[in-house]
PDB file of all heavy atoms in Angstrom:
ATOM      1  N   LYS A   1      87.133  10.215 -42.744  1.00  0.00           N
ATOM      2  CA  LYS A   1      88.313  10.633 -43.491  1.00  0.00           C
ATOM      3  C   LYS A   1      88.262   9.978 -44.860  1.00  0.00           C
ATOM      4  O   LYS A   1      87.987   8.788 -44.974  1.00  0.00           O
ATOM      5  CB  LYS A   1      89.595  10.223 -42.762  1.00  0.00           C
ATOM      6  CG  LYS A   1      89.781  10.872 -41.398  1.00  0.00           C
ATOM      7  CD  LYS A   1      91.080  10.403 -40.739  1.00  0.00           C
ATOM      8  CE  LYS A   1      91.249  11.036 -39.376  1.00  0.00           C
ATOM      9  NZ  LYS A   1      92.513  10.600 -38.707  1.00  0.00           N
ATOM     10  N   SER A   2      88.557  10.775 -45.897  1.00  0.00           N
ATOM     11  CA  SER A   2      88.520  10.247 -47.249  1.00  0.00           C
ATOM     12  C   SER A   2      89.591  10.908 -48.102  1.00  0.00           C
ATOM     13  O   SER A   2      89.825  12.113 -48.002  1.00  0.00           O
ATOM     14  CB  SER A   2      87.145  10.477 -47.884  1.00  0.00           C
ATOM     15  OG  SER A   2      87.131  10.030 -49.223  1.00  0.00           O
ATOM     16  N   VAL A   3      90.258  10.109 -48.929  1.00  0.00           N
ATOM     17  CA  VAL A   3      91.217  10.599 -49.916  1.00  0.00           C
ATOM     18  C   VAL A   3      90.669  10.242 -51.290  1.00  0.00           C
ATOM     19  O   VAL A   3      90.347   9.076 -51.548  1.00  0.00           O
ATOM     20  CB  VAL A   3      92.613   9.982 -49.715  1.00  0.00           C
ATOM     21  CG1 VAL A   3      93.569  10.473 -50.802  1.00  0.00           C
ATOM     22  CG2 VAL A   3      93.158  10.322 -48.333  1.00  0.00           C
ATOM     23  N   SER A   4      90.535  11.230 -52.155  1.00  0.00           N
ATOM     24  CA  SER A   4      89.976  11.029 -53.501  1.00  0.00           C
ATOM     25  C   SER A   4      88.573  10.453 -53.421  1.00  0.00           C
ATOM     26  O   SER A   4      88.226   9.500 -54.137  1.00  0.00           O
ATOM     27  CB  SER A   4      90.887  10.116 -54.326  1.00  0.00           C
ATOM     28  OG  SER A   4      92.166  10.684 -54.489  1.00  0.00           O
ATOM     29  N   GLY A   5      87.760  11.020 -52.528  1.00  0.00           N
ATOM     30  CA  GLY A   5      86.386  10.560 -52.409  1.00  0.00           C
ATOM     31  C   GLY A   5      85.528  11.584 -51.690  1.00  0.00           C
ATOM     32  O   GLY A   5      86.026  12.467 -50.988  1.00  0.00           O
ATOM     33  N   ASP A   6      84.210  11.468 -51.873  1.00  0.00           N
ATOM     34  CA  ASP A   6      83.261  12.365 -51.236  1.00  0.00           C
ATOM     35  C   ASP A   6      82.783  11.795 -49.901  1.00  0.00           C
ATOM     36  O   ASP A   6      82.777  10.584 -49.690  1.00  0.00           O
ATOM     37  CB  ASP A   6      82.047  12.591 -52.149  1.00  0.00           C
ATOM     38  CG  ASP A   6      82.421  13.223 -53.473  1.00  0.00           C
ATOM     39  OD1 ASP A   6      83.436  13.949 -53.524  1.00  0.00           O
ATOM     40  OD2 ASP A   6      81.698  12.993 -54.465  1.00  0.00           O
ATOM     41  N   ILE A   7      82.339  12.686 -49.020  1.00  0.00           N
ATOM     42  CA  ILE A   7      81.751  12.299 -47.741  1.00  0.00           C
ATOM     43  C   ILE A   7      80.356  12.899 -47.663  1.00  0.00           C
ATOM     44  O   ILE A   7      80.182  14.102 -47.845  1.00  0.00           O
ATOM     45  CB  ILE A   7      82.599  12.784 -46.554  1.00  0.00           C
ATOM     46  CG1 ILE A   7      83.982  12.118 -46.565  1.00  0.00           C
ATOM     47  CG2 ILE A   7      81.896  12.503 -45.231  1.00  0.00           C
ATOM     48  CD1 ILE A   7      84.930  12.664 -45.517  1.00  0.00           C
ATOM     49  N   SER A   8      79.362  12.047 -47.387  1.00  0.00           N
ATOM     50  CA  SER A   8      77.981  12.501 -47.280  1.00  0.00           C
ATOM     51  C   SER A   8      77.344  11.880 -46.047  1.00  0.00           C
ATOM     52  O   SER A   8      77.182  10.660 -45.972  1.00  0.00           O
ATOM     53  CB  SER A   8      77.187  12.106 -48.538  1.00  0.00           C
ATOM     54  OG  SER A   8      75.843  12.533 -48.440  1.00  0.00           O
ATOM     55  N   LEU A   9      77.006  12.723 -45.065  1.00  0.00           N
ATOM     56  CA  LEU A   9      76.293  12.295 -43.862  1.00  0.00           C
ATOM     57  C   LEU A   9      74.908  12.928 -43.937  1.00  0.00           C
ATOM     58  O   LEU A   9      74.768  14.142 -43.853  1.00  0.00           O
ATOM     59  CB  LEU A   9      77.042  12.739 -42.608  1.00  0.00           C
ATOM     60  CG  LEU A   9      78.532  12.354 -42.533  1.00  0.00           C
ATOM     61  CD1 LEU A   9      79.138  12.839 -41.220  1.00  0.00           C
ATOM     62  CD2 LEU A   9      78.716  10.846 -42.686  1.00  0.00           C
ATOM     63  N   HIS A  10      73.872  12.126 -44.078  1.00  0.00           N
ATOM     64  CA  HIS A  10      72.558  12.649 -44.437  1.00  0.00           C
ATOM     65  C   HIS A  10      71.798  13.259 -43.264  1.00  0.00           C
ATOM     66  O   HIS A  10      71.006  14.181 -43.463  1.00  0.00           O
ATOM     67  CB  HIS A  10      71.724  11.548 -45.087  1.00  0.00           C
ATOM     68  CG  HIS A  10      72.324  11.012 -46.351  1.00  0.00           C
ATOM     69  ND1 HIS A  10      72.277  11.699 -47.541  1.00  0.00           N
ATOM     70  CD2 HIS A  10      73.024   9.883 -46.605  1.00  0.00           C
ATOM     71  CE1 HIS A  10      72.895  11.001 -48.488  1.00  0.00           C
ATOM     72  NE2 HIS A  10      73.369   9.900 -47.942  1.00  0.00           N
ATOM     73  N   SER A  11      72.027  12.754 -42.042  1.00  0.00           N
ATOM     74  CA  SER A  11      71.288  13.294 -40.907  1.00  0.00           C
ATOM     75  C   SER A  11      72.064  13.087 -39.619  1.00  0.00           C
ATOM     76  O   SER A  11      72.174  11.960 -39.129  1.00  0.00           O
ATOM     77  CB  SER A  11      69.907  12.642 -40.804  1.00  0.00           C
ATOM     78  OG  SER A  11      69.170  13.200 -39.727  1.00  0.00           O
ATOM     79  N   VAL A  12      72.603  14.189 -39.067  1.00  0.00           N
ATOM     80  CA  VAL A  12      73.318  14.170 -37.795  1.00  0.00           C
ATOM     81  C   VAL A  12      72.508  15.007 -36.815  1.00  0.00           C
ATOM     82  O   VAL A  12      72.108  16.136 -37.126  1.00  0.00           O
ATOM     83  CB  VAL A  12      74.737  14.741 -37.948  1.00  0.00           C
ATOM     84  CG1 VAL A  12      75.472  14.718 -36.613  1.00  0.00           C
ATOM     85  CG2 VAL A  12      75.509  13.957 -39.003  1.00  0.00           C
ATOM     86  N   ARG A  13      72.293  14.487 -35.602  1.00  0.00           N
ATOM     87  CA  ARG A  13      71.420  15.173 -34.654  1.00  0.00           C
ATOM     88  C   ARG A  13      72.181  15.877 -33.548  1.00  0.00           C
ATOM     89  O   ARG A  13      71.800  16.951 -33.088  1.00  0.00           O
ATOM     90  CB  ARG A  13      70.427  14.184 -34.042  1.00  0.00           C
ATOM     91  CG  ARG A  13      69.473  14.810 -33.022  1.00  0.00           C
ATOM     92  CD  ARG A  13      68.342  13.885 -32.694  1.00  0.00           C
ATOM     93  NE  ARG A  13      67.521  13.633 -33.880  1.00  0.00           N
ATOM     94  CZ  ARG A  13      66.571  14.460 -34.305  1.00  0.00           C
ATOM     95  NH1 ARG A  13      66.316  15.585 -33.648  1.00  0.00           N
ATOM     96  NH2 ARG A  13      65.870  14.181 -35.372  1.00  0.00           N
ATOM     97  N   ALA A  14      73.275  15.290 -33.060  1.00  0.00           N
ATOM     98  CA  ALA A  14      73.993  15.858 -31.915  1.00  0.00           C
ATOM     99  C   ALA A  14      75.409  15.319 -31.907  1.00  0.00           C
ATOM    100  O   ALA A  14      75.807  14.512 -32.754  1.00  0.00           O
ATOM    101  CB  ALA A  14      73.273  15.526 -30.603  1.00  0.00           C
ATOM    102  N   GLY A  15      76.203  15.788 -30.937  1.00  0.00           N
ATOM    103  CA  GLY A  15      77.553  15.281 -30.792  1.00  0.00           C
ATOM    104  C   GLY A  15      78.553  16.005 -31.667  1.00  0.00           C
ATOM    105  O   GLY A  15      78.267  17.046 -32.268  1.00  0.00           O
ATOM    106  N   SER A  16      79.728  15.432 -31.754  1.00  0.00           N
ATOM    107  CA  SER A  16      80.823  16.016 -32.532  1.00  0.00           C
ATOM    108  C   SER A  16      80.940  15.313 -33.877  1.00  0.00           C
ATOM    109  O   SER A  16      80.965  14.081 -33.941  1.00  0.00           O
ATOM    110  CB  SER A  16      82.137  15.884 -31.753  1.00  0.00           C
ATOM    111  OG  SER A  16      83.232  16.325 -32.529  1.00  0.00           O
ATOM    112  N   THR A  17      81.003  16.098 -34.936  1.00  0.00           N
ATOM    113  CA  THR A  17      81.179  15.557 -36.277  1.00  0.00           C
ATOM    114  C   THR A  17      82.427  16.170 -36.895  1.00  0.00           C
ATOM    115  O   THR A  17      82.523  17.387 -37.047  1.00  0.00           O
ATOM    116  CB  THR A  17      79.964  15.871 -37.171  1.00  0.00           C
ATOM    117  OG1 THR A  17      78.801  15.234 -36.629  1.00  0.00           O
ATOM    118  CG2 THR A  17      80.185  15.370 -38.582  1.00  0.00           C
ATOM    119  N   SER A  18      83.391  15.315 -37.230  1.00  0.00           N
ATOM    120  CA  SER A  18      84.638  15.801 -37.826  1.00  0.00           C
ATOM    121  C   SER A  18      84.860  15.111 -39.161  1.00  0.00           C
ATOM    122  O   SER A  18      84.469  13.959 -39.360  1.00  0.00           O
ATOM    123  CB  SER A  18      85.826  15.533 -36.901  1.00  0.00           C
ATOM    124  OG  SER A  18      86.040  14.143 -36.718  1.00  0.00           O
ATOM    125  N   PHE A  19      85.504  15.832 -40.079  1.00  0.00           N
ATOM    126  CA  PHE A  19      85.767  15.268 -41.392  1.00  0.00           C
ATOM    127  C   PHE A  19      87.079  15.800 -41.943  1.00  0.00           C
ATOM    128  O   PHE A  19      87.496  16.911 -41.634  1.00  0.00           O
ATOM    129  CB  PHE A  19      84.627  15.596 -42.369  1.00  0.00           C
ATOM    130  CG  PHE A  19      84.454  17.067 -42.636  1.00  0.00           C
ATOM    131  CD1 PHE A  19      85.209  17.708 -43.606  1.00  0.00           C
ATOM    132  CD2 PHE A  19      83.538  17.808 -41.911  1.00  0.00           C
ATOM    133  CE1 PHE A  19      85.052  19.060 -43.857  1.00  0.00           C
ATOM    134  CE2 PHE A  19      83.372  19.161 -42.153  1.00  0.00           C
ATOM    135  CZ  PHE A  19      84.134  19.793 -43.122  1.00  0.00           C
ATOM    136  N   THR A  20      87.722  14.977 -42.764  1.00  0.00           N
ATOM    137  CA  THR A  20      88.907  15.369 -43.524  1.00  0.00           C
ATOM    138  C   THR A  20      88.799  14.729 -44.896  1.00  0.00           C
ATOM    139  O   THR A  20      88.574  13.521 -45.002  1.00  0.00           O
ATOM    140  CB  THR A  20      90.202  14.898 -42.837  1.00  0.00           C
ATOM    141  OG1 THR A  20      90.272  15.421 -41.525  1.00  0.00           O
ATOM    142  CG2 THR A  20      91.419  15.379 -43.633  1.00  0.00           C
ATOM    143  N   SER A  21      88.945  15.527 -45.944  1.00  0.00           N
ATOM    144  CA  SER A  21      88.839  14.991 -47.285  1.00  0.00           C
ATOM    145  C   SER A  21      89.845  15.664 -48.205  1.00  0.00           C
ATOM    146  O   SER A  21      90.060  16.869 -48.128  1.00  0.00           O
ATOM    147  CB  SER A  21      87.425  15.194 -47.839  1.00  0.00           C
ATOM    148  OG  SER A  21      87.342  14.743 -49.182  1.00  0.00           O
ATOM    149  N   VAL A  22      90.471  14.871 -49.050  1.00  0.00           N
ATOM    150  CA  VAL A  22      91.374  15.369 -50.083  1.00  0.00           C
ATOM    151  C   VAL A  22      90.768  15.010 -51.437  1.00  0.00           C
ATOM    152  O   VAL A  22      90.455  13.844 -51.690  1.00  0.00           O
ATOM    153  CB  VAL A  22      92.777  14.754 -49.948  1.00  0.00           C
ATOM    154  CG1 VAL A  22      93.690  15.262 -51.075  1.00  0.00           C
ATOM    155  CG2 VAL A  22      93.377  15.077 -48.594  1.00  0.00           C
ATOM    156  N   SER A  23      90.565  16.008 -52.269  1.00  0.00           N
ATOM    157  CA  SER A  23      89.963  15.805 -53.598  1.00  0.00           C
ATOM    158  C   SER A  23      88.576  15.196 -53.483  1.00  0.00           C
ATOM    159  O   SER A  23      88.253  14.206 -54.154  1.00  0.00           O
ATOM    160  CB  SER A  23      90.868  14.925 -54.469  1.00  0.00           C
ATOM    161  OG  SER A  23      92.133  15.518 -54.654  1.00  0.00           O
ATOM    162  N   GLY A  24      87.763  15.798 -52.618  1.00  0.00           N
ATOM    163  CA  GLY A  24      86.394  15.310 -52.469  1.00  0.00           C
ATOM    164  C   GLY A  24      85.495  16.360 -51.842  1.00  0.00           C
ATOM    165  O   GLY A  24      85.966  17.257 -51.136  1.00  0.00           O
ATOM    166  N   ASP A  25      84.204  16.251 -52.100  1.00  0.00           N
ATOM    167  CA  ASP A  25      83.219  17.169 -51.541  1.00  0.00           C
ATOM    168  C   ASP A  25      82.646  16.620 -50.238  1.00  0.00           C
ATOM    169  O   ASP A  25      82.600  15.406 -50.020  1.00  0.00           O
ATOM    170  CB  ASP A  25      82.077  17.398 -52.536  1.00  0.00           C
ATOM    171  CG  ASP A  25      82.541  18.104 -53.803  1.00  0.00           C
ATOM    172  OD1 ASP A  25      83.530  18.861 -53.726  1.00  0.00           O
ATOM    173  OD2 ASP A  25      81.913  17.889 -54.861  1.00  0.00           O
ATOM    174  N   ILE A  26      82.178  17.532 -49.390  1.00  0.00           N
ATOM    175  CA  ILE A  26      81.595  17.175 -48.104  1.00  0.00           C
ATOM    176  C   ILE A  26      80.161  17.666 -48.061  1.00  0.00           C
ATOM    177  O   ILE A  26      79.888  18.832 -48.364  1.00  0.00           O
ATOM    178  CB  ILE A  26      82.367  17.798 -46.923  1.00  0.00           C
ATOM    179  CG1 ILE A  26      83.866  17.493 -47.025  1.00  0.00           C
ATOM    180  CG2 ILE A  26      81.791  17.319 -45.598  1.00  0.00           C
ATOM    181  CD1 ILE A  26      84.215  16.052 -46.861  1.00  0.00           C
ATOM    182  N   GLU A  27      79.218  16.801 -47.652  1.00  0.00           N
ATOM    183  CA  GLU A  27      77.835  17.203 -47.436  1.00  0.00           C
ATOM    184  C   GLU A  27      77.398  16.674 -46.072  1.00  0.00           C
ATOM    185  O   GLU A  27      77.476  15.466 -45.825  1.00  0.00           O
ATOM    186  CB  GLU A  27      76.915  16.661 -48.535  1.00  0.00           C
ATOM    187  CG  GLU A  27      77.106  17.335 -49.888  1.00  0.00           C
ATOM    188  CD  GLU A  27      76.012  16.955 -50.869  1.00  0.00           C
ATOM    189  OE1 GLU A  27      75.346  15.922 -50.642  1.00  0.00           O
ATOM    190  OE2 GLU A  27      75.817  17.695 -51.844  1.00  0.00           O
ATOM    191  N   ILE A  28      76.947  17.571 -45.209  1.00  0.00           N
ATOM    192  CA  ILE A  28      76.525  17.203 -43.858  1.00  0.00           C
ATOM    193  C   ILE A  28      75.089  17.679 -43.668  1.00  0.00           C
ATOM    194  O   ILE A  28      74.790  18.872 -43.786  1.00  0.00           O
ATOM    195  CB  ILE A  28      77.414  17.841 -42.780  1.00  0.00           C
ATOM    196  CG1 ILE A  28      78.902  17.557 -43.063  1.00  0.00           C
ATOM    197  CG2 ILE A  28      76.998  17.341 -41.398  1.00  0.00           C
ATOM    198  CD1 ILE A  28      79.307  16.130 -42.897  1.00  0.00           C
ATOM    199  N   GLY A  29      74.192  16.770 -43.347  1.00  0.00           N
ATOM    200  CA  GLY A  29      72.808  17.118 -43.067  1.00  0.00           C
ATOM    201  C   GLY A  29      72.587  17.248 -41.572  1.00  0.00           C
ATOM    202  O   GLY A  29      72.945  16.349 -40.805  1.00  0.00           O
ATOM    203  N   ILE A  30      72.012  18.351 -41.141  1.00  0.00           N
ATOM    204  CA  ILE A  30      71.711  18.592 -39.734  1.00  0.00           C
ATOM    205  C   ILE A  30      70.222  18.350 -39.519  1.00  0.00           C
ATOM    206  O   ILE A  30      69.385  18.948 -40.195  1.00  0.00           O
ATOM    207  CB  ILE A  30      72.084  20.025 -39.311  1.00  0.00           C
ATOM    208  CG1 ILE A  30      73.547  20.327 -39.681  1.00  0.00           C
ATOM    209  CG2 ILE A  30      71.854  20.216 -37.824  1.00  0.00           C
ATOM    210  CD1 ILE A  30      74.556  19.413 -39.024  1.00  0.00           C
ATOM    211  N   ALA A  31      69.897  17.478 -38.562  1.00  0.00           N
ATOM    212  CA  ALA A  31      68.504  17.094 -38.346  1.00  0.00           C
ATOM    213  C   ALA A  31      67.664  18.275 -37.888  1.00  0.00           C
ATOM    214  O   ALA A  31      68.167  19.235 -37.287  1.00  0.00           O
ATOM    215  CB  ALA A  31      68.434  15.965 -37.316  1.00  0.00           C
ATOM    216  N   GLN A  32      66.376  18.198 -38.161  1.00  0.00           N
ATOM    217  CA  GLN A  32      65.446  19.224 -37.720  1.00  0.00           C
ATOM    218  C   GLN A  32      65.490  19.354 -36.194  1.00  0.00           C
ATOM    219  O   GLN A  32      65.499  18.366 -35.470  1.00  0.00           O
ATOM    220  CB  GLN A  32      64.018  18.858 -38.152  1.00  0.00           C
ATOM    221  CG  GLN A  32      63.792  18.867 -39.648  1.00  0.00           C
ATOM    222  CD  GLN A  32      63.748  20.286 -40.211  1.00  0.00           C
ATOM    223  OE1 GLN A  32      63.590  21.258 -39.468  1.00  0.00           O
ATOM    224  NE2 GLN A  32      63.880  20.416 -41.525  1.00  0.00           N
ATOM    225  N   GLY A  33      65.528  20.590 -35.708  1.00  0.00           N
ATOM    226  CA  GLY A  33      65.560  20.835 -34.280  1.00  0.00           C
ATOM    227  C   GLY A  33      66.944  20.936 -33.693  1.00  0.00           C
ATOM    228  O   GLY A  33      67.100  21.305 -32.526  1.00  0.00           O
ATOM    229  N   SER A  34      67.979  20.613 -34.481  1.00  0.00           N
ATOM    230  CA  SER A  34      69.356  20.711 -34.007  1.00  0.00           C
ATOM    231  C   SER A  34      69.998  21.992 -34.513  1.00  0.00           C
ATOM    232  O   SER A  34      69.679  22.488 -35.594  1.00  0.00           O
ATOM    233  CB  SER A  34      70.173  19.502 -34.483  1.00  0.00           C
ATOM    234  OG  SER A  34      69.689  18.307 -33.930  1.00  0.00           O
ATOM    235  N   PHE A  35      70.931  22.518 -33.701  1.00  0.00           N
ATOM    236  CA  PHE A  35      71.654  23.725 -34.070  1.00  0.00           C
ATOM    237  C   PHE A  35      73.100  23.368 -34.427  1.00  0.00           C
ATOM    238  O   PHE A  35      73.509  22.216 -34.317  1.00  0.00           O
ATOM    239  CB  PHE A  35      71.588  24.733 -32.926  1.00  0.00           C
ATOM    240  CG  PHE A  35      70.181  25.130 -32.595  1.00  0.00           C
ATOM    241  CD1 PHE A  35      69.529  24.567 -31.500  1.00  0.00           C
ATOM    242  CD2 PHE A  35      69.496  26.033 -33.375  1.00  0.00           C
ATOM    243  CE1 PHE A  35      68.222  24.910 -31.197  1.00  0.00           C
ATOM    244  CE2 PHE A  35      68.187  26.391 -33.081  1.00  0.00           C
ATOM    245  CZ  PHE A  35      67.548  25.822 -31.994  1.00  0.00           C
ATOM    246  N   LEU A  36      73.860  24.374 -34.853  1.00  0.00           N
ATOM    247  CA  LEU A  36      75.167  24.119 -35.435  1.00  0.00           C
ATOM    248  C   LEU A  36      76.237  25.016 -34.846  1.00  0.00           C
ATOM    249  O   LEU A  36      76.059  26.222 -34.736  1.00  0.00           O
ATOM    250  CB  LEU A  36      75.092  24.331 -36.959  1.00  0.00           C
ATOM    251  CG  LEU A  36      76.361  24.090 -37.768  1.00  0.00           C
ATOM    252  CD1 LEU A  36      76.774  22.618 -37.688  1.00  0.00           C
ATOM    253  CD2 LEU A  36      76.145  24.497 -39.218  1.00  0.00           C
ATOM    254  N   ASP A  37      77.346  24.379 -34.482  1.00  0.00           N
ATOM    255  CA  ASP A  37      78.573  25.079 -34.104  1.00  0.00           C
ATOM    256  C   ASP A  37      79.639  24.578 -35.066  1.00  0.00           C
ATOM    257  O   ASP A  37      80.059  23.421 -34.995  1.00  0.00           O
ATOM    258  CB  ASP A  37      78.939  24.756 -32.653  1.00  0.00           C
ATOM    259  CG  ASP A  37      80.224  25.459 -32.192  1.00  0.00           C
ATOM    260  OD1 ASP A  37      80.888  26.087 -33.039  1.00  0.00           O
ATOM    261  OD2 ASP A  37      80.560  25.349 -31.007  1.00  0.00           O
ATOM    262  N   VAL A  38      80.081  25.431 -35.989  1.00  0.00           N
ATOM    263  CA  VAL A  38      80.915  24.958 -37.081  1.00  0.00           C
ATOM    264  C   VAL A  38      82.247  25.701 -37.145  1.00  0.00           C
ATOM    265  O   VAL A  38      82.313  26.916 -36.924  1.00  0.00           O
ATOM    266  CB  VAL A  38      80.164  25.089 -38.435  1.00  0.00           C
ATOM    267  CG1 VAL A  38      79.826  26.544 -38.731  1.00  0.00           C
ATOM    268  CG2 VAL A  38      80.980  24.491 -39.574  1.00  0.00           C
ATOM    269  N   ASP A  39      83.302  24.945 -37.433  1.00  0.00           N
ATOM    270  CA  ASP A  39      84.620  25.484 -37.739  1.00  0.00           C
ATOM    271  C   ASP A  39      85.187  24.613 -38.856  1.00  0.00           C
ATOM    272  O   ASP A  39      85.866  23.618 -38.602  1.00  0.00           O
ATOM    273  CB  ASP A  39      85.525  25.469 -36.509  1.00  0.00           C
ATOM    274  CG  ASP A  39      86.904  26.074 -36.801  1.00  0.00           C
ATOM    275  OD1 ASP A  39      87.074  26.644 -37.891  1.00  0.00           O
ATOM    276  OD2 ASP A  39      87.791  25.949 -35.940  1.00  0.00           O
ATOM    277  N   ALA A  40      84.870  24.967 -40.084  1.00  0.00           N
ATOM    278  CA  ALA A  40      85.255  24.148 -41.230  1.00  0.00           C
ATOM    279  C   ALA A  40      85.769  25.048 -42.340  1.00  0.00           C
ATOM    280  O   ALA A  40      85.416  26.219 -42.439  1.00  0.00           O
ATOM    281  CB  ALA A  40      84.066  23.330 -41.727  1.00  0.00           C
TER     282      ALA A  40
END
């Protein structure tokens, strides 16, 4: 969670990833071999 800031996760492989940001950009890296189920 971030207010007035960016969130950058460079490599996520599995599990649940959640984010909330106000006045900031989000970058999520998905590791090679992993698939994506997204609602953002």
